[in-house]
Amino acid sequence: MIRPVAFRMNEQTAVNNYYQKVLDNLTPATVNAKAQQEFDAFVEKLRGVGVNVIVVDDTLEPDTPDSIFPNNWVSFHESGEIVLYPMFAENRRLERREDIFDILEENGFEITDIWDYTSAEEDDLFLEGTGNLLLDRTNEIAYCALSPRADEGLVIEFCEDLEMNPIIFEAFQTVDGERKHIYHTNVMMCLGDTFAVICADSIDDKQDRKLVLSKLKESGKEIVAITEEQVNNFAGNMLQVEGANGEKYLVMSTQAYNILTKDQIKTLEKHANILHSSLDTIEACGGGSARCMMAEVFLPKN
């Protein structure tokens, strides 16, 4: 997780991230201070249940207002491989930091190889990590909703290289009366070991919807359906993590938790303990939530 030093609404990402808002009544310094408070409280809650969190401080230079969302530029795999991804916004490309790999190795993780797809940026082709790719690592499936930030060819290339089966579809949200692509798959969908949270209503094509739902069921997931209103409150942006003694936790923002129904919460609690933290400023300015803030590390330990 990357602790922000200059967090603000990123004007370069707002063109197709319709969740971002300008908080006119707050100065940039206040926005960053609030984001830091939310970040620190979130990390404390994760560590409080035994989740191993490696916090890396961001730097003032270069200017990276979205560095708090590291899962978009990198992913870490059980094979020891790291994947670097091509980013839509030019100022987000500056988030990529090789010194973070040194920090992981210092923490005992083993890195064997790096897949680097970043040259696709020269052709205006993008694939923003586990924002776009929902990886069912156990069943070797990669779910991806296409968008201006997720190129189909790159999804297929990734799946060939990492030996995964691509499930590709389109997901939409209503913006000013128009259906527009949801910019990241992990906004409308979350995968746990034994469950999946999904806004199937956002998949307008019936065949696509049927394909995704059938594949989830085939792979043994209990499906928890959420609405577009719940997606707008980041109820799809969750991540299952492991705490002390292998205990499973489903991590989300307080806003996401508050929009869930009692029945949805009851179903999810069959699969994992729910942990939520207030991320109001980060969600409003950044247009991302709890899941986006965590780049999970599956690398083997030395």
C-alpha atoms as a PDB file:
ATOM      1  CA  MET A   1       0.000   0.000   0.000  1.00  0.00           C
ATOM      2  CA  ILE A   2       1.286   3.462  -0.939  1.00  0.00           C
ATOM      3  CA  ARG A   3       0.833   6.270   1.613  1.00  0.00           C
ATOM      4  CA  PRO A   4      -0.018   9.476  -0.295  1.00  0.00           C
ATOM      5  CA  VAL A   5       1.826  12.777   0.001  1.00  0.00           C
ATOM      6  CA  ALA A   6       0.035  14.836  -2.687  1.00  0.00           C
ATOM      7  CA  PHE A   7      -3.330  13.122  -3.142  1.00  0.00           C
ATOM      8  CA  ARG A   8      -5.967  15.049  -5.099  1.00  0.00           C
ATOM      9  CA  MET A   9      -8.515  14.566  -7.849  1.00  0.00           C
ATOM     10  CA  ASN A  10      -6.552  13.565 -10.956  1.00  0.00           C
ATOM     11  CA  GLU A  11      -7.844  15.595 -13.893  1.00  0.00           C
ATOM     12  CA  GLN A  12      -6.253  13.123 -16.361  1.00  0.00           C
ATOM     13  CA  THR A  13      -8.320  10.186 -15.111  1.00  0.00           C
ATOM     14  CA  ALA A  14     -11.611  12.058 -14.628  1.00  0.00           C
ATOM     15  CA  VAL A  15     -12.358  11.884 -18.367  1.00  0.00           C
ATOM     16  CA  ASN A  16     -13.601   8.298 -18.022  1.00  0.00           C
ATOM     17  CA  ASN A  17     -13.743   7.697 -14.266  1.00  0.00           C
ATOM     18  CA  TYR A  18     -17.242   8.995 -13.550  1.00  0.00           C
ATOM     19  CA  TYR A  19     -16.940   8.394  -9.796  1.00  0.00           C
ATOM     20  CA  GLN A  20     -14.509  11.269  -9.222  1.00  0.00           C
ATOM     21  CA  LYS A  21     -15.686  14.532  -7.700  1.00  0.00           C
ATOM     22  CA  VAL A  22     -14.124  17.930  -7.039  1.00  0.00           C
ATOM     23  CA  LEU A  23     -14.358  18.871  -3.362  1.00  0.00           C
ATOM     24  CA  ASP A  24     -14.500  22.654  -3.892  1.00  0.00           C
ATOM     25  CA  ASN A  25     -14.746  23.472  -0.208  1.00  0.00           C
ATOM     26  CA  LEU A  26     -11.395  21.844   0.642  1.00  0.00           C
ATOM     27  CA  THR A  27      -7.867  23.033  -0.110  1.00  0.00           C
ATOM     28  CA  PRO A  28      -5.442  20.550  -1.724  1.00  0.00           C
ATOM     29  CA  ALA A  29      -3.514  20.330   1.560  1.00  0.00           C
ATOM     30  CA  THR A  30      -6.700  19.487   3.452  1.00  0.00           C
ATOM     31  CA  VAL A  31      -7.696  16.856   0.882  1.00  0.00           C
ATOM     32  CA  ASN A  32      -4.283  15.179   1.214  1.00  0.00           C
ATOM     33  CA  ALA A  33      -4.361  15.364   5.019  1.00  0.00           C
ATOM     34  CA  LYS A  34      -7.806  13.737   5.098  1.00  0.00           C
ATOM     35  CA  ALA A  35      -6.644  11.043   2.670  1.00  0.00           C
ATOM     36  CA  GLN A  36      -3.617  10.336   4.879  1.00  0.00           C
ATOM     37  CA  GLN A  37      -5.852  10.030   7.947  1.00  0.00           C
ATOM     38  CA  GLU A  38      -8.151   7.605   6.119  1.00  0.00           C
ATOM     39  CA  PHE A  39      -5.168   5.636   4.808  1.00  0.00           C
ATOM     40  CA  ASP A  40      -3.533   5.330   8.250  1.00  0.00           C
ATOM     41  CA  ALA A  41      -6.782   4.245   9.926  1.00  0.00           C
ATOM     42  CA  PHE A  42      -7.359   1.670   7.185  1.00  0.00           C
ATOM     43  CA  VAL A  43      -3.849   0.211   7.553  1.00  0.00           C
ATOM     44  CA  GLU A  44      -4.272   0.081  11.334  1.00  0.00           C
ATOM     45  CA  LYS A  45      -7.505  -1.916  10.959  1.00  0.00           C
ATOM     46  CA  LEU A  46      -5.868  -4.354   8.557  1.00  0.00           C
ATOM     47  CA  ARG A  47      -2.861  -4.863  10.820  1.00  0.00           C
ATOM     48  CA  GLY A  48      -5.191  -5.156  13.797  1.00  0.00           C
ATOM     49  CA  VAL A  49      -6.557  -8.446  12.443  1.00  0.00           C
ATOM     50  CA  GLY A  50      -3.139  -9.759  11.454  1.00  0.00           C
ATOM     51  CA  VAL A  51      -2.958  -8.760   7.778  1.00  0.00           C
ATOM     52  CA  ASN A  52       0.672  -8.268   6.743  1.00  0.00           C
ATOM     53  CA  VAL A  53       0.690  -4.746   5.259  1.00  0.00           C
ATOM     54  CA  ILE A  54       3.838  -3.314   3.681  1.00  0.00           C
ATOM     55  CA  VAL A  55       3.453   0.476   3.544  1.00  0.00           C
ATOM     56  CA  VAL A  56       5.629   2.470   1.149  1.00  0.00           C
ATOM     57  CA  ASP A  57       5.624   6.271   1.331  1.00  0.00           C
ATOM     58  CA  ASP A  58       4.971   8.145  -1.894  1.00  0.00           C
ATOM     59  CA  THR A  59       7.360  10.914  -2.963  1.00  0.00           C
ATOM     60  CA  LEU A  60       6.548  14.537  -3.826  1.00  0.00           C
ATOM     61  CA  GLU A  61       8.426  14.204  -7.102  1.00  0.00           C
ATOM     62  CA  PRO A  62       7.244  13.148  -9.599  1.00  0.00           C
ATOM     63  CA  ASP A  63       3.647  14.362  -9.205  1.00  0.00           C
ATOM     64  CA  THR A  64       1.492  11.245  -8.794  1.00  0.00           C
ATOM     65  CA  PRO A  65      -1.939  12.149  -7.363  1.00  0.00           C
ATOM     66  CA  ASP A  66      -3.279   8.576  -7.779  1.00  0.00           C
ATOM     67  CA  SER A  67      -0.315   6.689  -6.291  1.00  0.00           C
ATOM     68  CA  ILE A  68      -2.618   5.484  -3.500  1.00  0.00           C
ATOM     69  CA  PHE A  69      -4.007   2.953  -6.046  1.00  0.00           C
ATOM     70  CA  PRO A  70      -0.960   0.730  -6.801  1.00  0.00           C
ATOM     71  CA  ASN A  71      -2.950  -2.274  -8.032  1.00  0.00           C
ATOM     72  CA  ASN A  72      -3.266  -0.631 -11.462  1.00  0.00           C
ATOM     73  CA  TRP A  73       0.407  -0.618 -12.425  1.00  0.00           C
ATOM     74  CA  VAL A  74       1.628  -3.916 -10.953  1.00  0.00           C
ATOM     75  CA  SER A  75       0.557  -7.417  -9.959  1.00  0.00           C
ATOM     76  CA  PHE A  76       2.475 -10.115  -8.084  1.00  0.00           C
ATOM     77  CA  HIS A  77       2.138 -13.842  -8.753  1.00  0.00           C
ATOM     78  CA  GLU A  78       2.741 -17.161  -6.973  1.00  0.00           C
ATOM     79  CA  SER A  79       5.294 -18.099  -9.660  1.00  0.00           C
ATOM     80  CA  GLY A  80       7.538 -15.244  -8.511  1.00  0.00           C
ATOM     81  CA  GLU A  81       6.585 -13.237 -11.593  1.00  0.00           C
ATOM     82  CA  ILE A  82       5.707  -9.546 -11.570  1.00  0.00           C
ATOM     83  CA  VAL A  83       3.583  -7.887 -14.258  1.00  0.00           C
ATOM     84  CA  LEU A  84       3.880  -4.199 -15.203  1.00  0.00           C
ATOM     85  CA  TYR A  85       0.888  -2.644 -16.963  1.00  0.00           C
ATOM     86  CA  PRO A  86       0.305   0.166 -19.496  1.00  0.00           C
ATOM     87  CA  MET A  87      -1.628   3.062 -17.951  1.00  0.00           C
ATOM     88  CA  PHE A  88      -4.198   5.358 -19.578  1.00  0.00           C
ATOM     89  CA  ALA A  89      -3.222   8.600 -17.793  1.00  0.00           C
ATOM     90  CA  GLU A  90       0.278   9.872 -18.479  1.00  0.00           C
ATOM     91  CA  ASN A  91       0.826  11.041 -14.897  1.00  0.00           C
ATOM     92  CA  ARG A  92      -0.139   7.588 -13.607  1.00  0.00           C
ATOM     93  CA  ARG A  93       2.738   6.007 -15.549  1.00  0.00           C
ATOM     94  CA  LEU A  94       5.070   7.818 -13.167  1.00  0.00           C
ATOM     95  CA  GLU A  95       3.776   5.673 -10.289  1.00  0.00           C
ATOM     96  CA  ARG A  96       5.845   2.679 -11.404  1.00  0.00           C
ATOM     97  CA  ARG A  97       8.735   2.285  -8.935  1.00  0.00           C
ATOM     98  CA  GLU A  98      11.335  -0.457  -9.101  1.00  0.00           C
ATOM     99  CA  ASP A  99      12.523   0.362  -5.569  1.00  0.00           C
ATOM    100  CA  ILE A 100       9.305  -1.256  -4.335  1.00  0.00           C
ATOM    101  CA  PHE A 101      10.582  -4.582  -5.679  1.00  0.00           C
ATOM    102  CA  ASP A 102      13.736  -4.146  -3.573  1.00  0.00           C
ATOM    103  CA  ILE A 103      11.549  -3.517  -0.515  1.00  0.00           C
ATOM    104  CA  LEU A 104       9.592  -6.716  -1.181  1.00  0.00           C
ATOM    105  CA  GLU A 105      12.823  -8.709  -1.517  1.00  0.00           C
ATOM    106  CA  GLU A 106      14.023  -7.196   1.762  1.00  0.00           C
ATOM    107  CA  ASN A 107      10.790  -8.531   3.266  1.00  0.00           C
ATOM    108  CA  GLY A 108      11.687 -12.035   2.136  1.00  0.00           C
ATOM    109  CA  PHE A 109       9.737 -12.298  -1.107  1.00  0.00           C
ATOM    110  CA  GLU A 110      11.266 -13.936  -4.165  1.00  0.00           C
ATOM    111  CA  ILE A 111      11.068 -12.363  -7.646  1.00  0.00           C
ATOM    112  CA  THR A 112      11.896 -14.613 -10.590  1.00  0.00           C
ATOM    113  CA  ASP A 113      10.806 -12.640 -13.669  1.00  0.00           C
ATOM    114  CA  ILE A 114       9.030  -9.486 -14.863  1.00  0.00           C
ATOM    115  CA  TRP A 115       6.454  -9.266 -17.662  1.00  0.00           C
ATOM    116  CA  ASP A 116       6.446  -5.706 -18.969  1.00  0.00           C
ATOM    117  CA  TYR A 117       3.541  -4.593 -21.179  1.00  0.00           C
ATOM    118  CA  THR A 118       4.175  -0.881 -20.763  1.00  0.00           C
ATOM    119  CA  SER A 119       5.410  -0.354 -24.338  1.00  0.00           C
ATOM    120  CA  ALA A 120       1.752  -0.672 -25.412  1.00  0.00           C
ATOM    121  CA  GLU A 121       1.322   2.905 -24.159  1.00  0.00           C
ATOM    122  CA  GLU A 122       3.136   4.059 -27.334  1.00  0.00           C
ATOM    123  CA  ASP A 123       0.194   2.650 -29.335  1.00  0.00           C
ATOM    124  CA  ASP A 124      -2.436   4.060 -26.935  1.00  0.00           C
ATOM    125  CA  LEU A 125      -3.309   0.570 -25.719  1.00  0.00           C
ATOM    126  CA  PHE A 126      -3.909   0.052 -22.016  1.00  0.00           C
ATOM    127  CA  LEU A 127      -4.570  -2.594 -19.386  1.00  0.00           C
ATOM    128  CA  GLU A 128      -4.635  -1.300 -15.837  1.00  0.00           C
ATOM    129  CA  GLY A 129      -3.659  -4.273 -13.737  1.00  0.00           C
ATOM    130  CA  THR A 130      -6.076  -5.839 -11.299  1.00  0.00           C
ATOM    131  CA  GLY A 131      -8.335  -2.866 -11.797  1.00  0.00           C
ATOM    132  CA  ASN A 132      -9.223  -4.357 -15.180  1.00  0.00           C
ATOM    133  CA  LEU A 133      -8.249  -7.994 -14.573  1.00  0.00           C
ATOM    134  CA  LEU A 134     -10.101  -9.916 -11.889  1.00  0.00           C
ATOM    135  CA  LEU A 135      -7.911 -12.958 -11.392  1.00  0.00           C
ATOM    136  CA  ASP A 136      -9.325 -16.245 -10.167  1.00  0.00           C
ATOM    137  CA  ARG A 137      -5.870 -17.614  -9.515  1.00  0.00           C
ATOM    138  CA  THR A 138      -7.103 -21.010  -8.294  1.00  0.00           C
ATOM    139  CA  ASN A 139      -9.106 -21.722 -11.446  1.00  0.00           C
ATOM    140  CA  GLU A 140      -6.728 -19.785 -13.759  1.00  0.00           C
ATOM    141  CA  ILE A 141      -9.447 -17.447 -15.053  1.00  0.00           C
ATOM    142  CA  ALA A 142      -9.075 -13.728 -15.819  1.00  0.00           C
ATOM    143  CA  TYR A 143     -12.319 -11.748 -15.965  1.00  0.00           C
ATOM    144  CA  CYS A 144     -12.122  -8.408 -17.767  1.00  0.00           C
ATOM    145  CA  ALA A 145     -14.663  -5.743 -18.665  1.00  0.00           C
ATOM    146  CA  LEU A 146     -13.380  -3.911 -21.746  1.00  0.00           C
ATOM    147  CA  SER A 147     -13.123  -0.116 -21.565  1.00  0.00           C
ATOM    148  CA  PRO A 148     -10.839   2.683 -22.793  1.00  0.00           C
ATOM    149  CA  ARG A 149      -8.440   1.345 -20.150  1.00  0.00           C
ATOM    150  CA  ALA A 150      -8.682  -2.352 -21.060  1.00  0.00           C
ATOM    151  CA  ASP A 151      -7.642  -3.462 -24.541  1.00  0.00           C
ATOM    152  CA  GLU A 152      -8.897  -6.881 -25.640  1.00  0.00           C
ATOM    153  CA  GLY A 153      -5.650  -7.807 -27.408  1.00  0.00           C
ATOM    154  CA  LEU A 154      -3.624  -7.080 -24.290  1.00  0.00           C
ATOM    155  CA  VAL A 155      -6.009  -9.143 -22.168  1.00  0.00           C
ATOM    156  CA  ILE A 156      -5.486 -12.109 -24.487  1.00  0.00           C
ATOM    157  CA  GLU A 157      -1.712 -11.567 -24.543  1.00  0.00           C
ATOM    158  CA  PHE A 158      -1.628 -11.449 -20.732  1.00  0.00           C
ATOM    159  CA  CYS A 159      -3.650 -14.668 -20.503  1.00  0.00           C
ATOM    160  CA  GLU A 160      -1.393 -16.464 -22.983  1.00  0.00           C
ATOM    161  CA  ASP A 161       1.729 -15.364 -21.095  1.00  0.00           C
ATOM    162  CA  LEU A 162       0.385 -16.121 -17.619  1.00  0.00           C
ATOM    163  CA  GLU A 163      -1.527 -19.230 -18.764  1.00  0.00           C
ATOM    164  CA  MET A 164      -5.016 -18.065 -17.793  1.00  0.00           C
ATOM    165  CA  ASN A 165      -8.401 -18.381 -19.478  1.00  0.00           C
ATOM    166  CA  PRO A 166      -9.862 -14.976 -20.492  1.00  0.00           C
ATOM    167  CA  ILE A 167     -13.531 -14.171 -19.849  1.00  0.00           C
ATOM    168  CA  ILE A 168     -14.048 -10.885 -21.694  1.00  0.00           C
ATOM    169  CA  PHE A 169     -17.201  -8.751 -21.622  1.00  0.00           C
ATOM    170  CA  GLU A 170     -18.427  -5.149 -21.451  1.00  0.00           C
ATOM    171  CA  ALA A 171     -19.917  -3.450 -18.390  1.00  0.00           C
ATOM    172  CA  PHE A 172     -21.768  -0.133 -18.347  1.00  0.00           C
ATOM    173  CA  GLN A 173     -23.071   2.544 -16.024  1.00  0.00           C
ATOM    174  CA  THR A 174     -25.619   5.265 -16.651  1.00  0.00           C
ATOM    175  CA  VAL A 175     -24.042   8.739 -16.824  1.00  0.00           C
ATOM    176  CA  ASP A 176     -26.357  11.658 -17.629  1.00  0.00           C
ATOM    177  CA  GLY A 177     -28.825   9.270 -19.232  1.00  0.00           C
ATOM    178  CA  GLU A 178     -26.190   7.509 -21.378  1.00  0.00           C
ATOM    179  CA  ARG A 179     -24.736   4.028 -20.975  1.00  0.00           C
ATOM    180  CA  LYS A 180     -20.946   4.396 -20.703  1.00  0.00           C
ATOM    181  CA  HIS A 181     -18.238   1.830 -20.064  1.00  0.00           C
ATOM    182  CA  ILE A 182     -17.294   1.190 -16.446  1.00  0.00           C
ATOM    183  CA  TYR A 183     -13.608   2.070 -16.384  1.00  0.00           C
ATOM    184  CA  HIS A 184     -12.425  -0.805 -14.158  1.00  0.00           C
ATOM    185  CA  THR A 185     -13.848  -4.301 -13.713  1.00  0.00           C
ATOM    186  CA  ASN A 186     -13.163  -4.243  -9.976  1.00  0.00           C
ATOM    187  CA  VAL A 187     -15.753  -1.498  -9.522  1.00  0.00           C
ATOM    188  CA  MET A 188     -18.619  -3.831 -10.472  1.00  0.00           C
ATOM    189  CA  MET A 189     -17.192  -7.187  -9.407  1.00  0.00           C
ATOM    190  CA  CYS A 190     -15.236  -8.860  -6.605  1.00  0.00           C
ATOM    191  CA  LEU A 191     -13.891 -12.420  -6.444  1.00  0.00           C
ATOM    192  CA  GLY A 192     -13.404 -14.364  -3.239  1.00  0.00           C
ATOM    193  CA  ASP A 193     -12.296 -17.961  -2.791  1.00  0.00           C
ATOM    194  CA  THR A 194     -15.867 -19.241  -2.551  1.00  0.00           C
ATOM    195  CA  PHE A 195     -18.035 -16.286  -3.618  1.00  0.00           C
ATOM    196  CA  ALA A 196     -18.366 -13.506  -6.173  1.00  0.00           C
ATOM    197  CA  VAL A 197     -19.964 -10.088  -5.765  1.00  0.00           C
ATOM    198  CA  ILE A 198     -21.203  -8.819  -9.127  1.00  0.00           C
ATOM    199  CA  CYS A 199     -23.495  -6.238 -10.667  1.00  0.00           C
ATOM    200  CA  ALA A 200     -24.805  -8.419 -13.491  1.00  0.00           C
ATOM    201  CA  ASP A 201     -27.193  -5.600 -14.480  1.00  0.00           C
ATOM    202  CA  SER A 202     -24.192  -3.605 -15.692  1.00  0.00           C
ATOM    203  CA  ILE A 203     -23.476  -6.266 -18.354  1.00  0.00           C
ATOM    204  CA  ASP A 204     -25.997  -5.139 -20.962  1.00  0.00           C
ATOM    205  CA  ASP A 205     -25.357  -7.937 -23.449  1.00  0.00           C
ATOM    206  CA  LYS A 206     -27.392 -10.962 -22.348  1.00  0.00           C
ATOM    207  CA  GLN A 207     -24.945 -13.491 -23.782  1.00  0.00           C
ATOM    208  CA  ASP A 208     -22.016 -11.838 -22.029  1.00  0.00           C
ATOM    209  CA  ARG A 209     -23.957 -11.776 -18.778  1.00  0.00           C
ATOM    210  CA  LYS A 210     -24.846 -15.447 -19.099  1.00  0.00           C
ATOM    211  CA  LEU A 211     -21.213 -16.357 -19.880  1.00  0.00           C
ATOM    212  CA  VAL A 212     -19.838 -14.532 -16.833  1.00  0.00           C
ATOM    213  CA  LEU A 213     -22.448 -15.861 -14.403  1.00  0.00           C
ATOM    214  CA  SER A 214     -22.165 -19.441 -15.665  1.00  0.00           C
ATOM    215  CA  LYS A 215     -18.360 -19.365 -15.413  1.00  0.00           C
ATOM    216  CA  LEU A 216     -18.578 -18.070 -11.828  1.00  0.00           C
ATOM    217  CA  LYS A 217     -21.024 -20.828 -10.892  1.00  0.00           C
ATOM    218  CA  GLU A 218     -18.936 -23.481 -12.655  1.00  0.00           C
ATOM    219  CA  SER A 219     -15.946 -22.481 -10.571  1.00  0.00           C
ATOM    220  CA  GLY A 220     -17.909 -22.913  -7.344  1.00  0.00           C
ATOM    221  CA  LYS A 221     -18.640 -19.308  -6.437  1.00  0.00           C
ATOM    222  CA  GLU A 222     -21.772 -18.318  -4.546  1.00  0.00           C
ATOM    223  CA  ILE A 223     -23.016 -15.208  -6.353  1.00  0.00           C
ATOM    224  CA  VAL A 224     -24.001 -12.104  -4.411  1.00  0.00           C
ATOM    225  CA  ALA A 225     -25.828  -9.746  -6.778  1.00  0.00           C
ATOM    226  CA  ILE A 226     -25.488  -5.992  -6.257  1.00  0.00           C
ATOM    227  CA  THR A 227     -27.323  -3.110  -7.929  1.00  0.00           C
ATOM    228  CA  GLU A 228     -25.987  -0.217  -9.990  1.00  0.00           C
ATOM    229  CA  GLU A 229     -26.752   2.106  -7.066  1.00  0.00           C
ATOM    230  CA  GLN A 230     -24.601  -0.083  -4.839  1.00  0.00           C
ATOM    231  CA  VAL A 231     -21.817   0.004  -7.454  1.00  0.00           C
ATOM    232  CA  ASN A 232     -21.995   3.804  -7.335  1.00  0.00           C
ATOM    233  CA  ASN A 233     -21.257   3.507  -3.616  1.00  0.00           C
ATOM    234  CA  PHE A 234     -18.253   1.202  -4.249  1.00  0.00           C
ATOM    235  CA  ALA A 235     -19.965  -1.998  -3.078  1.00  0.00           C
ATOM    236  CA  GLY A 236     -18.204  -3.918  -5.856  1.00  0.00           C
ATOM    237  CA  ASN A 237     -14.760  -2.672  -4.857  1.00  0.00           C
ATOM    238  CA  MET A 238     -13.857  -5.256  -2.217  1.00  0.00           C
ATOM    239  CA  LEU A 239     -10.923  -7.608  -1.651  1.00  0.00           C
ATOM    240  CA  GLN A 240     -10.589 -10.831   0.302  1.00  0.00           C
ATOM    241  CA  VAL A 241      -7.387 -10.924   2.351  1.00  0.00           C
ATOM    242  CA  GLU A 242      -5.846 -13.239   4.915  1.00  0.00           C
ATOM    243  CA  GLY A 243      -5.324 -12.254   8.535  1.00  0.00           C
ATOM    244  CA  ALA A 244      -3.922 -14.019  11.576  1.00  0.00           C
ATOM    245  CA  ASN A 245      -4.177 -17.838  11.640  1.00  0.00           C
ATOM    246  CA  GLY A 246      -5.375 -17.895   8.024  1.00  0.00           C
ATOM    247  CA  GLU A 247      -8.612 -16.111   8.913  1.00  0.00           C
ATOM    248  CA  LYS A 248     -10.357 -14.638   5.860  1.00  0.00           C
ATOM    249  CA  TYR A 249     -11.483 -11.013   5.744  1.00  0.00           C
ATOM    250  CA  LEU A 250     -13.528  -9.221   3.114  1.00  0.00           C
ATOM    251  CA  VAL A 251     -12.263  -5.651   3.043  1.00  0.00           C
ATOM    252  CA  MET A 252     -14.376  -2.704   1.878  1.00  0.00           C
ATOM    253  CA  SER A 253     -15.102   0.935   2.648  1.00  0.00           C
ATOM    254  CA  THR A 254     -17.681   1.990   5.203  1.00  0.00           C
ATOM    255  CA  GLN A 255     -19.671   3.602   2.386  1.00  0.00           C
ATOM    256  CA  ALA A 256     -19.786   0.233   0.606  1.00  0.00           C
ATOM    257  CA  TYR A 257     -20.756  -1.595   3.807  1.00  0.00           C
ATOM    258  CA  ASN A 258     -23.560   0.851   4.576  1.00  0.00           C
ATOM    259  CA  ILE A 259     -25.182   0.385   1.140  1.00  0.00           C
ATOM    260  CA  LEU A 260     -25.334  -3.426   1.476  1.00  0.00           C
ATOM    261  CA  THR A 261     -28.575  -5.065   2.571  1.00  0.00           C
ATOM    262  CA  LYS A 262     -28.799  -7.265   5.667  1.00  0.00           C
ATOM    263  CA  ASP A 263     -29.235 -10.337   3.464  1.00  0.00           C
ATOM    264  CA  GLN A 264     -26.145  -9.484   1.402  1.00  0.00           C
ATOM    265  CA  ILE A 265     -24.090  -8.995   4.557  1.00  0.00           C
ATOM    266  CA  LYS A 266     -25.371 -12.276   5.990  1.00  0.00           C
ATOM    267  CA  THR A 267     -24.379 -14.148   2.820  1.00  0.00           C
ATOM    268  CA  LEU A 268     -20.928 -12.570   2.664  1.00  0.00           C
ATOM    269  CA  GLU A 269     -20.275 -13.314   6.341  1.00  0.00           C
ATOM    270  CA  LYS A 270     -20.678 -17.028   5.581  1.00  0.00           C
ATOM    271  CA  HIS A 271     -17.499 -16.759   3.522  1.00  0.00           C
ATOM    272  CA  ALA A 272     -15.369 -14.181   5.358  1.00  0.00           C
ATOM    273  CA  ASN A 273     -15.303 -11.703   8.208  1.00  0.00           C
ATOM    274  CA  ILE A 274     -16.208  -8.218   7.003  1.00  0.00           C
ATOM    275  CA  LEU A 275     -13.774  -5.392   7.715  1.00  0.00           C
ATOM    276  CA  HIS A 276     -14.665  -1.855   6.655  1.00  0.00           C
ATOM    277  CA  SER A 277     -13.034   1.538   7.063  1.00  0.00           C
ATOM    278  CA  SER A 278     -14.102   5.078   6.179  1.00  0.00           C
ATOM    279  CA  LEU A 279     -12.522   6.196   2.886  1.00  0.00           C
ATOM    280  CA  ASP A 280     -14.884   9.053   1.975  1.00  0.00           C
ATOM    281  CA  THR A 281     -12.259  11.554   0.773  1.00  0.00           C
ATOM    282  CA  ILE A 282     -10.264   8.959  -1.157  1.00  0.00           C
ATOM    283  CA  GLU A 283     -13.408   7.646  -2.842  1.00  0.00           C
ATOM    284  CA  ALA A 284     -14.744  11.105  -3.747  1.00  0.00           C
ATOM    285  CA  CYS A 285     -11.530  12.548  -5.183  1.00  0.00           C
ATOM    286  CA  GLY A 286      -9.881   9.375  -6.451  1.00  0.00           C
ATOM    287  CA  GLY A 287     -12.901   7.510  -7.768  1.00  0.00           C
ATOM    288  CA  GLY A 288     -11.498   4.317  -6.262  1.00  0.00           C
ATOM    289  CA  SER A 289     -11.958   2.511  -2.981  1.00  0.00           C
ATOM    290  CA  ALA A 290     -10.587  -0.158  -0.645  1.00  0.00           C
ATOM    291  CA  ARG A 291      -9.692  -2.775  -3.221  1.00  0.00           C
ATOM    292  CA  CYS A 292      -7.830  -0.288  -5.429  1.00  0.00           C
ATOM    293  CA  MET A 293      -5.593   0.671  -2.509  1.00  0.00           C
ATOM    294  CA  MET A 294      -4.183  -2.846  -2.043  1.00  0.00           C
ATOM    295  CA  ALA A 295      -1.707  -4.539  -4.368  1.00  0.00           C
ATOM    296  CA  GLU A 296      -1.830  -8.071  -2.989  1.00  0.00           C
ATOM    297  CA  VAL A 297       1.476  -9.937  -2.906  1.00  0.00           C
ATOM    298  CA  PHE A 298       1.357 -13.604  -3.926  1.00  0.00           C
ATOM    299  CA  LEU A 299       5.116 -13.898  -4.445  1.00  0.00           C
ATOM    300  CA  PRO A 300       6.783 -16.935  -2.821  1.00  0.00           C
ATOM    301  CA  LYS A 301       8.819 -16.399   0.324  1.00  0.00           C
ATOM    302  CA  ASN A 302      12.519 -17.235   0.308  1.00  0.00           C
END
